[in-house]
C-alpha atoms as a PDB file:
ATOM      1  CA  MET A   1       0.000   0.000   0.000  1.00  0.00           C
ATOM      2  CA  PRO A   2       1.273   3.504  -0.656  1.00  0.00           C
ATOM      3  CA  ALA A   3       2.251   5.774   2.236  1.00  0.00           C
ATOM      4  CA  GLY A   4      -0.802   7.324   3.865  1.00  0.00           C
ATOM      5  CA  ALA A   5      -3.175   4.622   2.638  1.00  0.00           C
ATOM      6  CA  ILE A   6      -5.669   2.897   4.924  1.00  0.00           C
ATOM      7  CA  CYS A   7      -6.896  -0.674   4.958  1.00  0.00           C
ATOM      8  CA  VAL A   8     -10.035  -1.723   6.862  1.00  0.00           C
ATOM      9  CA  PHE A   9     -11.018  -5.331   7.425  1.00  0.00           C
ATOM     10  CA  GLN A  10     -12.702  -7.606   9.937  1.00  0.00           C
ATOM     11  CA  GLY A  11     -10.538  -9.096  12.653  1.00  0.00           C
ATOM     12  CA  THR A  12     -11.416 -12.601  11.494  1.00  0.00           C
ATOM     13  CA  LEU A  13      -9.498 -12.053   8.251  1.00  0.00           C
ATOM     14  CA  ILE A  14      -6.139 -13.824   8.203  1.00  0.00           C
ATOM     15  CA  HIS A  15      -3.730 -11.039   7.394  1.00  0.00           C
ATOM     16  CA  GLY A  16      -0.124  -9.980   7.493  1.00  0.00           C
ATOM     17  CA  ALA A  17       2.227  -7.311   6.231  1.00  0.00           C
ATOM     18  CA  GLY A  18       5.501  -7.291   4.392  1.00  0.00           C
ATOM     19  CA  ALA A  19       8.771  -6.176   5.923  1.00  0.00           C
ATOM     20  CA  ASN A  20       9.146  -2.514   6.838  1.00  0.00           C
ATOM     21  CA  ASN A  21      12.115  -1.550   4.676  1.00  0.00           C
ATOM     22  CA  SER A  22      12.038   2.127   5.662  1.00  0.00           C
ATOM     23  CA  ASP A  23      13.966   3.807   8.456  1.00  0.00           C
ATOM     24  CA  LYS A  24      10.697   4.964  10.069  1.00  0.00           C
ATOM     25  CA  PRO A  25       8.314   2.980  12.261  1.00  0.00           C
ATOM     26  CA  ARG A  26       5.158   1.601  10.707  1.00  0.00           C
ATOM     27  CA  LEU A  27       2.154   2.820  12.654  1.00  0.00           C
ATOM     28  CA  ALA A  28      -1.091   0.913  12.962  1.00  0.00           C
ATOM     29  CA  TYR A  29      -4.378   1.586  14.707  1.00  0.00           C
ATOM     30  CA  THR A  30      -6.586  -1.232  15.864  1.00  0.00           C
ATOM     31  CA  ASN A  31     -10.110  -0.857  17.109  1.00  0.00           C
ATOM     32  CA  HIS A  32     -11.608  -3.860  18.876  1.00  0.00           C
ATOM     33  CA  TYR A  33     -14.751  -4.552  20.826  1.00  0.00           C
ATOM     34  CA  CYS A  34     -14.639  -6.928  23.764  1.00  0.00           C
ATOM     35  CA  GLU A  35     -17.381  -7.940  26.131  1.00  0.00           C
ATOM     36  CA  PRO A  36     -16.984  -5.742  29.236  1.00  0.00           C
ATOM     37  CA  TRP A  37     -16.281  -8.755  31.428  1.00  0.00           C
ATOM     38  CA  ALA A  38     -13.483  -9.997  29.168  1.00  0.00           C
ATOM     39  CA  ARG A  39      -9.946  -8.756  29.234  1.00  0.00           C
ATOM     40  CA  THR A  40      -9.054  -6.524  26.302  1.00  0.00           C
ATOM     41  CA  GLN A  41      -6.404  -7.443  23.759  1.00  0.00           C
ATOM     42  CA  GLU A  42      -4.364  -4.324  24.583  1.00  0.00           C
ATOM     43  CA  ASN A  43      -3.652  -3.777  28.292  1.00  0.00           C
ATOM     44  CA  PHE A  44      -4.456  -0.063  28.508  1.00  0.00           C
ATOM     45  CA  TYR A  45      -4.219  -0.283  32.286  1.00  0.00           C
ATOM     46  CA  LEU A  46      -0.461  -0.770  31.957  1.00  0.00           C
ATOM     47  CA  GLY A  47       0.036   1.002  28.644  1.00  0.00           C
ATOM     48  CA  VAL A  48      -1.133   4.507  29.608  1.00  0.00           C
ATOM     49  CA  PRO A  49       1.034   6.363  32.173  1.00  0.00           C
ATOM     50  CA  LYS A  50      -0.718   6.904  35.509  1.00  0.00           C
ATOM     51  CA  GLU A  51       0.103  10.622  35.374  1.00  0.00           C
ATOM     52  CA  THR A  52      -2.027  10.813  32.243  1.00  0.00           C
ATOM     53  CA  VAL A  53      -4.824   8.656  33.681  1.00  0.00           C
ATOM     54  CA  ARG A  54      -5.051  10.832  36.829  1.00  0.00           C
ATOM     55  CA  GLN A  55      -6.034  13.786  34.618  1.00  0.00           C
ATOM     56  CA  MET A  56      -8.763  11.865  32.752  1.00  0.00           C
ATOM     57  CA  SER A  57     -12.469  11.878  33.454  1.00  0.00           C
ATOM     58  CA  PRO A  58     -13.912   8.959  35.463  1.00  0.00           C
ATOM     59  CA  GLU A  59     -15.572   7.710  32.269  1.00  0.00           C
ATOM     60  CA  LEU A  60     -12.239   7.459  30.447  1.00  0.00           C
ATOM     61  CA  GLN A  61     -10.615   5.825  33.481  1.00  0.00           C
ATOM     62  CA  ILE A  62     -13.352   3.171  33.431  1.00  0.00           C
ATOM     63  CA  LEU A  63     -12.788   2.550  29.711  1.00  0.00           C
ATOM     64  CA  LEU A  64      -9.099   1.955  30.467  1.00  0.00           C
ATOM     65  CA  GLY A  65      -9.931  -0.649  33.109  1.00  0.00           C
ATOM     66  CA  TYR A  66      -9.899   1.332  36.347  1.00  0.00           C
ATOM     67  CA  GLU A  67     -12.996  -0.312  37.777  1.00  0.00           C
ATOM     68  CA  LEU A  68     -14.257  -3.626  39.082  1.00  0.00           C
ATOM     69  CA  ARG A  69     -16.544  -5.633  36.844  1.00  0.00           C
ATOM     70  CA  ARG A  70     -19.655  -7.675  37.538  1.00  0.00           C
ATOM     71  CA  PRO A  71     -20.737 -10.436  37.879  1.00  0.00           C
ATOM     72  CA  MET A  72     -18.181 -11.027  40.605  1.00  0.00           C
ATOM     73  CA  ASP A  73     -17.040  -7.482  41.420  1.00  0.00           C
ATOM     74  CA  ILE A  74     -13.534  -8.855  41.684  1.00  0.00           C
ATOM     75  CA  MET A  75     -12.547  -8.895  38.019  1.00  0.00           C
ATOM     76  CA  GLY A  76     -10.017  -6.132  37.561  1.00  0.00           C
ATOM     77  CA  GLN A  77      -8.753  -5.915  41.126  1.00  0.00           C
ATOM     78  CA  VAL A  78      -5.116  -5.100  41.839  1.00  0.00           C
ATOM     79  CA  GLY A  79      -3.748  -6.987  44.806  1.00  0.00           C
ATOM     80  CA  GLY A  80      -7.232  -7.217  46.280  1.00  0.00           C
ATOM     81  CA  TYR A  81      -7.847  -3.473  45.901  1.00  0.00           C
ATOM     82  CA  HIS A  82     -10.026  -1.404  43.596  1.00  0.00           C
ATOM     83  CA  PRO A  83      -7.831  -0.357  40.636  1.00  0.00           C
ATOM     84  CA  LEU A  84      -8.545   3.350  41.235  1.00  0.00           C
ATOM     85  CA  LYS A  85      -6.454   3.079  44.417  1.00  0.00           C
ATOM     86  CA  THR A  86      -3.386   2.567  42.241  1.00  0.00           C
ATOM     87  CA  LEU A  87      -3.720   6.140  40.937  1.00  0.00           C
ATOM     88  CA  ASP A  88      -2.903   7.442  44.427  1.00  0.00           C
ATOM     89  CA  PRO A  89       0.829   8.300  44.312  1.00  0.00           C
ATOM     90  CA  GLU A  90       1.136   7.024  47.908  1.00  0.00           C
ATOM     91  CA  PHE A  91      -0.364   3.598  47.097  1.00  0.00           C
ATOM     92  CA  VAL A  92       2.073   0.691  47.292  1.00  0.00           C
ATOM     93  CA  LEU A  93       1.003  -2.890  46.714  1.00  0.00           C
ATOM     94  CA  PRO A  94       1.629  -5.086  49.769  1.00  0.00           C
ATOM     95  CA  VAL A  95       4.005  -7.278  47.758  1.00  0.00           C
ATOM     96  CA  GLU A  96       6.163  -4.197  46.998  1.00  0.00           C
ATOM     97  CA  ARG A  97       6.480  -3.038  50.613  1.00  0.00           C
ATOM     98  CA  PRO A  98       9.977  -3.412  52.117  1.00  0.00           C
ATOM     99  CA  GLY A  99      10.336  -6.470  54.310  1.00  0.00           C
ATOM    100  CA  HIS A 100       7.570  -8.423  52.549  1.00  0.00           C
ATOM    101  CA  ASP A 101       8.550 -12.044  51.884  1.00  0.00           C
END
């Protein structure tokens, strides 16, 4: 495909790309839908810096995974805590505390 072109297809299509022979990175955008109870393909929770997430609206934080999900209200926890707690700069997981075995 020429530079600047776009290709749209369903995720069920077996696809691939040739080697990137340029000295620049090849950028791609993927848009996926997952059931809310299922883990997303991209881990936005780890991929977006917490400094950025702290400035986002609660709605955007939820879309990134900073909430607990039904039916069990435990899916999405972090060390037994609600994931929003991890945005507190003072929060340290128990397994990261000094002296923890």
